[in-house]
Amino acid sequence: MPTNPAQAPTVPAHVLPHRTPAQLLAVARHGLAEAAQTRPDGLRYAAAHLAALRAAAALLAARARPAPTRRNRVTSVWILLSGVAPELDEWARFFALGAGKRAAAEAGIPRVVTAREADDLLRAAEEFVTVVETALGVAHQPALDGLAA
C-alpha cells in the first residue's frame, strides 16, 4: 500500500463512500449480527453479502483517492476493490459472483438460495470482514456474550 496519498489508487469520486472506514466496518459487523439472526435464507444471504460489501467500501475509503469521472458509468465495488487491493482479488471475484443471487433474494424471489448457501456466505462474509479489519489495522472486539457487535 502506498504511503504517499498521491500514489494511492484512484476510483471515481462519485463511488467513494461518505462514511469513514471505521463507520463502514461497524455497519458491516452490525449487518453480520443481523444476518446471523435472520431466518429466511434469502434475506440471510442478502444481509451477509451487504456486510461484505460495506467492508469492501471501508477498504476503498481507506486506500483510494477520488478521481473525477463522468457519473454515467456503473462500476462494481468488487471491480474497484481488485484495483485498490489486489491481494483481495479472490475475495472480490467470490462476492461479485454472489451479487446476482443477492439481488434476486432482495427482490423476494423464493428459493433463490438454500439454507446451506446462506450459511456458507455468512461464514465467508464474517471471514472477509475480519480480513479487511486486519488489512486496515483495526482490531475487532467481539461482544462479551459471543455475539458480533
Protein backbone atom coordinates (compact mmCIF):
# COMPACT_ATOMS: atom_id res chain seq x y z
CA MET A 1 0.00 0.00 0.00
CA PRO A 2 1.47 3.38 -0.95
CA THR A 3 2.38 5.64 1.95
CA ASN A 4 2.09 8.77 -0.18
CA PRO A 5 -1.60 9.69 -0.73
CA ALA A 6 -0.76 10.91 -4.24
CA GLN A 7 0.30 7.35 -5.11
CA ALA A 8 -2.95 5.82 -3.84
CA PRO A 9 -5.09 4.14 -6.50
CA THR A 10 -7.91 6.30 -7.78
CA VAL A 11 -11.58 5.46 -8.07
CA PRO A 12 -14.42 7.55 -9.49
CA ALA A 13 -15.22 10.25 -6.95
CA HIS A 14 -18.95 9.52 -7.00
CA VAL A 15 -18.46 5.92 -5.82
CA LEU A 16 -16.32 6.68 -2.77
CA PRO A 17 -18.29 6.16 0.44
CA HIS A 18 -19.39 9.11 2.51
CA ARG A 19 -18.63 7.29 5.76
CA THR A 20 -15.30 6.65 7.39
CA PRO A 21 -13.70 3.21 7.19
CA ALA A 22 -14.41 2.69 10.90
CA GLN A 23 -18.09 3.56 10.43
CA LEU A 24 -18.38 1.21 7.48
CA LEU A 25 -16.74 -1.63 9.40
CA ALA A 26 -19.11 -1.04 12.32
CA VAL A 27 -22.08 -1.19 9.93
CA ALA A 28 -20.62 -4.35 8.37
CA ARG A 29 -20.30 -6.01 11.79
CA HIS A 30 -23.85 -4.99 12.66
CA GLY A 31 -25.02 -6.47 9.35
CA LEU A 32 -23.28 -9.76 10.15
CA ALA A 33 -25.02 -9.92 13.52
CA GLU A 34 -28.34 -9.15 11.85
CA ALA A 35 -27.73 -11.80 9.18
CA ALA A 36 -26.96 -14.41 11.83
CA GLN A 37 -30.39 -13.77 13.38
CA THR A 38 -32.31 -13.73 10.08
CA ARG A 39 -34.26 -16.89 9.29
CA PRO A 40 -35.41 -16.60 5.70
CA ASP A 41 -32.45 -17.99 3.76
CA GLY A 42 -32.58 -15.39 1.01
CA LEU A 43 -32.62 -12.50 3.44
CA ARG A 44 -29.75 -14.03 5.46
CA TYR A 45 -27.75 -14.37 2.24
CA ALA A 46 -28.52 -10.78 1.22
CA ALA A 47 -27.64 -9.36 4.65
CA ALA A 48 -24.32 -11.24 4.71
CA HIS A 49 -23.47 -10.09 1.19
CA LEU A 50 -24.25 -6.48 2.10
CA ALA A 51 -22.00 -6.75 5.16
CA ALA A 52 -19.15 -7.86 2.89
CA LEU A 53 -19.96 -5.01 0.51
CA ARG A 54 -19.66 -2.50 3.35
CA ALA A 55 -16.32 -3.96 4.39
CA ALA A 56 -15.10 -3.60 0.80
CA ALA A 57 -16.30 0.01 0.85
CA ALA A 58 -14.29 0.58 4.03
CA LEU A 59 -11.14 -0.56 2.27
CA LEU A 60 -11.91 1.71 -0.70
CA ALA A 61 -12.48 4.64 1.64
CA ALA A 62 -9.16 4.00 3.36
CA ARG A 63 -6.95 3.25 0.38
CA ALA A 64 -8.29 5.10 -2.64
CA ARG A 65 -8.39 8.71 -3.61
CA PRO A 66 -11.13 10.22 -5.73
CA ALA A 67 -10.67 10.84 -9.42
CA PRO A 68 -13.08 12.99 -11.39
CA THR A 69 -15.03 10.93 -13.90
CA ARG A 70 -18.39 11.01 -15.60
CA ARG A 71 -21.17 9.52 -13.50
CA ASN A 72 -22.88 7.56 -16.24
CA ARG A 73 -20.52 4.61 -15.92
CA VAL A 74 -21.56 1.95 -13.43
CA THR A 75 -18.64 0.35 -11.65
CA SER A 76 -18.87 -2.56 -9.25
CA VAL A 77 -17.31 -2.17 -5.84
CA TRP A 78 -15.82 -5.62 -6.37
CA ILE A 79 -14.00 -4.46 -9.52
CA LEU A 80 -12.76 -1.36 -7.71
CA LEU A 81 -11.61 -3.50 -4.77
CA SER A 82 -9.46 -5.63 -7.08
CA GLY A 83 -7.72 -2.48 -8.30
CA VAL A 84 -7.25 -0.91 -4.88
CA ALA A 85 -6.38 -4.11 -3.00
CA PRO A 86 -5.09 -6.70 -5.50
CA GLU A 87 -4.34 -9.06 -2.63
CA LEU A 88 -8.11 -9.37 -2.14
CA ASP A 89 -8.90 -10.13 -5.78
CA GLU A 90 -10.07 -13.66 -5.00
CA TRP A 91 -12.48 -12.32 -2.38
CA ALA A 92 -13.72 -9.68 -4.83
CA ARG A 93 -14.39 -12.29 -7.51
CA PHE A 94 -16.15 -14.55 -4.98
CA PHE A 95 -18.53 -11.84 -3.79
CA ALA A 96 -19.07 -10.47 -7.32
CA LEU A 97 -20.37 -13.90 -8.30
CA GLY A 98 -22.95 -13.73 -5.49
CA ALA A 99 -24.29 -10.28 -6.37
CA GLY A 100 -26.97 -11.61 -8.70
CA LYS A 101 -28.27 -14.02 -6.08
CA ARG A 102 -28.32 -11.22 -3.52
CA ALA A 103 -30.39 -9.06 -5.88
CA ALA A 104 -32.79 -11.92 -6.54
CA ALA A 105 -33.14 -12.62 -2.81
CA GLU A 106 -33.76 -8.93 -2.08
CA ALA A 107 -36.42 -8.91 -4.80
CA GLY A 108 -38.23 -11.65 -2.91
CA ILE A 109 -37.76 -14.44 -5.41
CA PRO A 110 -38.48 -17.59 -3.42
CA ARG A 111 -35.94 -20.38 -3.02
CA VAL A 112 -33.20 -18.46 -4.82
CA VAL A 113 -30.69 -19.66 -2.21
CA THR A 114 -30.60 -22.67 0.06
CA ALA A 115 -30.02 -22.61 3.80
CA ARG A 116 -26.54 -24.01 3.19
CA GLU A 117 -25.69 -21.28 0.66
CA ALA A 118 -26.87 -18.61 3.10
CA ASP A 119 -24.88 -20.11 5.97
CA ASP A 120 -21.78 -20.52 3.80
CA LEU A 121 -21.98 -16.93 2.60
CA LEU A 122 -22.44 -15.68 6.15
CA ARG A 123 -19.27 -17.50 7.24
CA ALA A 124 -17.38 -16.17 4.21
CA ALA A 125 -18.59 -12.61 4.89
CA GLU A 126 -17.50 -12.89 8.54
CA GLU A 127 -14.05 -14.01 7.42
CA PHE A 128 -13.86 -11.25 4.79
CA VAL A 129 -14.78 -8.54 7.28
CA THR A 130 -12.02 -9.83 9.57
CA VAL A 131 -9.55 -9.81 6.66
CA VAL A 132 -10.46 -6.19 5.88
CA GLU A 133 -10.17 -5.20 9.54
CA THR A 134 -6.73 -6.77 9.65
CA ALA A 135 -5.70 -5.07 6.39
CA LEU A 136 -6.74 -1.72 7.87
CA GLY A 137 -5.13 -2.39 11.24
CA VAL A 138 -8.46 -2.37 13.06
CA ALA A 139 -8.84 -4.89 15.85
CA HIS A 140 -12.31 -6.36 16.13
CA GLN A 141 -13.52 -6.85 19.67
CA PRO A 142 -16.30 -9.45 19.87
CA ALA A 143 -19.09 -8.73 22.32
CA LEU A 144 -18.73 -10.44 25.71
CA ASP A 145 -21.73 -12.68 25.07
CA GLY A 146 -20.05 -14.01 21.92
CA LEU A 147 -22.37 -12.21 19.52
CA ALA A 148 -20.95 -9.85 16.95
CA ALA A 149 -21.47 -6.19 17.82
